[in-house]
Each structure stands twice: as C-alpha cells, then as structure tokens.
N, C-alpha and C. Protein backbone atom coordinates (compact mmCIF):
# COMPACT_ATOMS: atom_id res chain seq x y z
N MET A 1 12.26 -17.03 -2.68
CA MET A 1 13.17 -15.95 -2.98
C MET A 1 12.68 -14.68 -2.30
N PHE A 2 13.57 -13.93 -1.70
CA PHE A 2 13.22 -12.71 -0.98
C PHE A 2 13.97 -11.53 -1.61
N VAL A 3 13.24 -10.50 -2.00
CA VAL A 3 13.84 -9.34 -2.64
C VAL A 3 13.31 -8.08 -1.96
N ASN A 4 14.22 -7.16 -1.65
CA ASN A 4 13.83 -5.84 -1.15
C ASN A 4 13.88 -4.86 -2.30
N VAL A 5 12.84 -4.03 -2.42
CA VAL A 5 12.79 -3.00 -3.44
C VAL A 5 12.59 -1.66 -2.73
N ALA A 6 13.45 -0.69 -3.02
CA ALA A 6 13.34 0.64 -2.42
C ALA A 6 13.00 1.66 -3.49
N ILE A 7 11.98 2.46 -3.20
CA ILE A 7 11.58 3.54 -4.09
C ILE A 7 11.97 4.84 -3.41
N LEU A 8 12.91 5.55 -3.99
CA LEU A 8 13.41 6.79 -3.39
C LEU A 8 12.80 8.01 -4.05
N LYS A 9 12.71 9.07 -3.29
CA LYS A 9 12.21 10.33 -3.81
C LYS A 9 13.30 10.98 -4.67
N VAL A 10 12.94 11.36 -5.88
CA VAL A 10 13.89 12.03 -6.78
C VAL A 10 14.02 13.48 -6.32
N THR A 11 15.25 13.93 -6.11
CA THR A 11 15.47 15.28 -5.58
C THR A 11 16.09 16.24 -6.59
N GLN A 12 16.34 15.77 -7.79
CA GLN A 12 16.90 16.61 -8.85
C GLN A 12 15.89 17.70 -9.22
N ALA A 13 16.36 18.91 -9.40
CA ALA A 13 15.48 20.03 -9.77
C ALA A 13 14.76 19.74 -11.09
N HIS A 14 13.49 20.06 -11.16
CA HIS A 14 12.65 19.91 -12.36
C HIS A 14 12.46 18.45 -12.79
N GLU A 15 12.74 17.52 -11.91
CA GLU A 15 12.59 16.10 -12.24
C GLU A 15 11.23 15.63 -11.75
N ARG A 16 10.45 15.02 -12.64
CA ARG A 16 9.09 14.58 -12.31
C ARG A 16 8.93 13.10 -12.65
N ARG A 17 9.67 12.25 -11.94
CA ARG A 17 9.56 10.81 -12.16
C ARG A 17 9.37 10.10 -10.84
N VAL A 18 8.84 8.91 -10.93
CA VAL A 18 8.77 8.02 -9.78
C VAL A 18 9.15 6.63 -10.29
N ALA A 19 9.90 5.89 -9.49
CA ALA A 19 10.43 4.60 -9.93
C ALA A 19 9.38 3.51 -10.04
N LEU A 20 8.27 3.66 -9.34
CA LEU A 20 7.27 2.61 -9.30
C LEU A 20 5.89 3.22 -9.11
N VAL A 21 4.94 2.86 -9.96
CA VAL A 21 3.57 3.35 -9.82
C VAL A 21 2.75 2.34 -9.04
N PRO A 22 1.68 2.78 -8.37
CA PRO A 22 0.89 1.88 -7.54
C PRO A 22 0.34 0.64 -8.26
N ALA A 23 0.08 0.74 -9.54
CA ALA A 23 -0.47 -0.40 -10.29
C ALA A 23 0.49 -1.59 -10.33
N VAL A 24 1.77 -1.35 -10.19
CA VAL A 24 2.77 -2.42 -10.27
C VAL A 24 3.03 -3.08 -8.91
N VAL A 25 2.70 -2.38 -7.83
CA VAL A 25 3.00 -2.87 -6.48
C VAL A 25 2.41 -4.26 -6.21
N PRO A 26 1.14 -4.53 -6.51
CA PRO A 26 0.62 -5.88 -6.25
C PRO A 26 1.33 -6.98 -7.03
N LYS A 27 1.78 -6.67 -8.23
CA LYS A 27 2.49 -7.67 -9.03
C LYS A 27 3.80 -8.06 -8.37
N LEU A 28 4.54 -7.08 -7.87
CA LEU A 28 5.81 -7.37 -7.20
C LEU A 28 5.57 -8.08 -5.87
N SER A 29 4.55 -7.66 -5.14
CA SER A 29 4.23 -8.28 -3.86
C SER A 29 3.84 -9.74 -4.04
N LYS A 30 3.17 -10.04 -5.12
CA LYS A 30 2.76 -11.42 -5.41
C LYS A 30 3.96 -12.35 -5.52
N PHE A 31 5.07 -11.82 -5.96
CA PHE A 31 6.29 -12.62 -6.10
C PHE A 31 7.17 -12.57 -4.86
N GLY A 32 6.67 -11.97 -3.79
CA GLY A 32 7.38 -11.96 -2.53
C GLY A 32 8.31 -10.79 -2.29
N ALA A 33 8.24 -9.79 -3.13
CA ALA A 33 9.11 -8.62 -2.93
C ALA A 33 8.62 -7.82 -1.74
N LYS A 34 9.55 -7.37 -0.92
CA LYS A 34 9.23 -6.50 0.20
C LYS A 34 9.55 -5.08 -0.25
N LEU A 35 8.53 -4.22 -0.25
CA LEU A 35 8.66 -2.89 -0.82
C LEU A 35 8.78 -1.82 0.25
N HIS A 36 9.71 -0.90 0.05
CA HIS A 36 9.93 0.23 0.94
C HIS A 36 9.92 1.49 0.10
N MET A 37 9.23 2.52 0.58
CA MET A 37 9.15 3.75 -0.19
C MET A 37 9.45 4.94 0.70
N GLN A 38 10.28 5.83 0.24
CA GLN A 38 10.57 7.06 0.95
C GLN A 38 9.33 7.96 0.86
N ALA A 39 8.97 8.58 1.97
CA ALA A 39 7.80 9.46 2.00
C ALA A 39 7.91 10.53 0.92
N GLY A 40 6.84 10.71 0.18
CA GLY A 40 6.81 11.75 -0.85
C GLY A 40 7.40 11.36 -2.18
N ALA A 41 7.79 10.11 -2.35
CA ALA A 41 8.44 9.69 -3.60
C ALA A 41 7.56 9.89 -4.83
N GLY A 42 6.27 9.75 -4.69
CA GLY A 42 5.39 9.91 -5.84
C GLY A 42 4.77 11.28 -5.97
N GLY A 43 5.10 12.17 -5.06
CA GLY A 43 4.48 13.49 -5.02
C GLY A 43 4.65 14.31 -6.28
N ALA A 44 5.80 14.24 -6.93
CA ALA A 44 6.06 15.06 -8.12
C ALA A 44 5.15 14.69 -9.30
N VAL A 45 4.62 13.47 -9.28
CA VAL A 45 3.74 13.03 -10.36
C VAL A 45 2.29 12.91 -9.89
N GLY A 46 2.01 13.47 -8.71
CA GLY A 46 0.65 13.50 -8.20
C GLY A 46 0.18 12.23 -7.51
N LEU A 47 1.11 11.40 -7.06
CA LEU A 47 0.76 10.17 -6.36
C LEU A 47 1.11 10.31 -4.88
N PRO A 48 0.10 10.51 -4.03
CA PRO A 48 0.38 10.64 -2.60
C PRO A 48 0.80 9.30 -2.00
N ASP A 49 1.41 9.34 -0.84
CA ASP A 49 1.84 8.12 -0.16
C ASP A 49 0.67 7.16 0.05
N ALA A 50 -0.51 7.69 0.31
CA ALA A 50 -1.69 6.86 0.54
C ALA A 50 -2.03 5.99 -0.67
N ALA A 51 -1.71 6.45 -1.87
CA ALA A 51 -1.98 5.65 -3.08
C ALA A 51 -1.19 4.35 -3.06
N TYR A 52 -0.01 4.38 -2.47
CA TYR A 52 0.82 3.18 -2.39
C TYR A 52 0.40 2.29 -1.23
N LYS A 53 0.01 2.89 -0.11
CA LYS A 53 -0.42 2.11 1.05
C LYS A 53 -1.68 1.32 0.75
N ASP A 54 -2.54 1.86 -0.10
CA ASP A 54 -3.82 1.22 -0.40
C ASP A 54 -3.69 -0.02 -1.27
N VAL A 55 -2.61 -0.20 -2.01
CA VAL A 55 -2.54 -1.29 -2.97
C VAL A 55 -1.79 -2.53 -2.49
N ALA A 56 -0.94 -2.40 -1.51
CA ALA A 56 -0.20 -3.57 -1.03
C ALA A 56 0.58 -3.24 0.23
N PHE A 57 1.46 -4.13 0.60
CA PHE A 57 2.23 -3.99 1.82
C PHE A 57 3.49 -3.17 1.55
N VAL A 58 3.35 -1.88 1.56
CA VAL A 58 4.48 -0.99 1.30
C VAL A 58 4.77 -0.23 2.58
N THR A 59 6.02 -0.25 3.00
CA THR A 59 6.44 0.51 4.16
C THR A 59 6.87 1.89 3.70
N VAL A 60 6.20 2.91 4.15
CA VAL A 60 6.54 4.27 3.77
C VAL A 60 7.40 4.85 4.89
N SER A 61 8.61 5.21 4.56
CA SER A 61 9.56 5.72 5.54
C SER A 61 9.98 7.14 5.18
N ALA A 62 10.28 7.93 6.20
CA ALA A 62 10.77 9.29 5.96
C ALA A 62 12.16 9.24 5.33
N ALA A 63 12.95 8.27 5.71
CA ALA A 63 14.30 8.13 5.16
C ALA A 63 14.64 6.65 5.09
N ILE A 64 15.31 6.28 4.05
CA ILE A 64 15.77 4.89 3.88
C ILE A 64 17.27 4.89 4.04
N THR A 65 17.76 4.09 4.97
CA THR A 65 19.19 4.05 5.19
C THR A 65 19.76 2.69 4.83
C-alpha cells in the first residue's frame, strides 16, 4: 500500500499548530507512507525543518502543489 502524506504550514493568524510531530514520522514511514512537508510547517511550535529531516525520509518543499 502506498500513501502520500502532506504536512502544510498553517497560515492562520495566531495559530500555533503542526499536523505532524517528528516523533510520529518513523512510525508512518515504517508503513510505507511517503511524507512531504512544506518548509516552515513546524516553525510556529519551535520545530525547524531539520528536526523532520533527521528522523526519516521527509521531502521538505517550499510549496506543495
């Protein structure tokens, strides 16, 4: 089974959420999910893009189309 998961940067004013934390990335990758993350998606909660790159195969993109 092949699943794409996209994590987008929340742009709503005063919103401090992220759809996926780095601790969950290896669990999803283990099941074959291909993960894509918009650059800066975790910034509002203090998670830099590097935190996601270090845990699994996550493609960090400036924009997801």
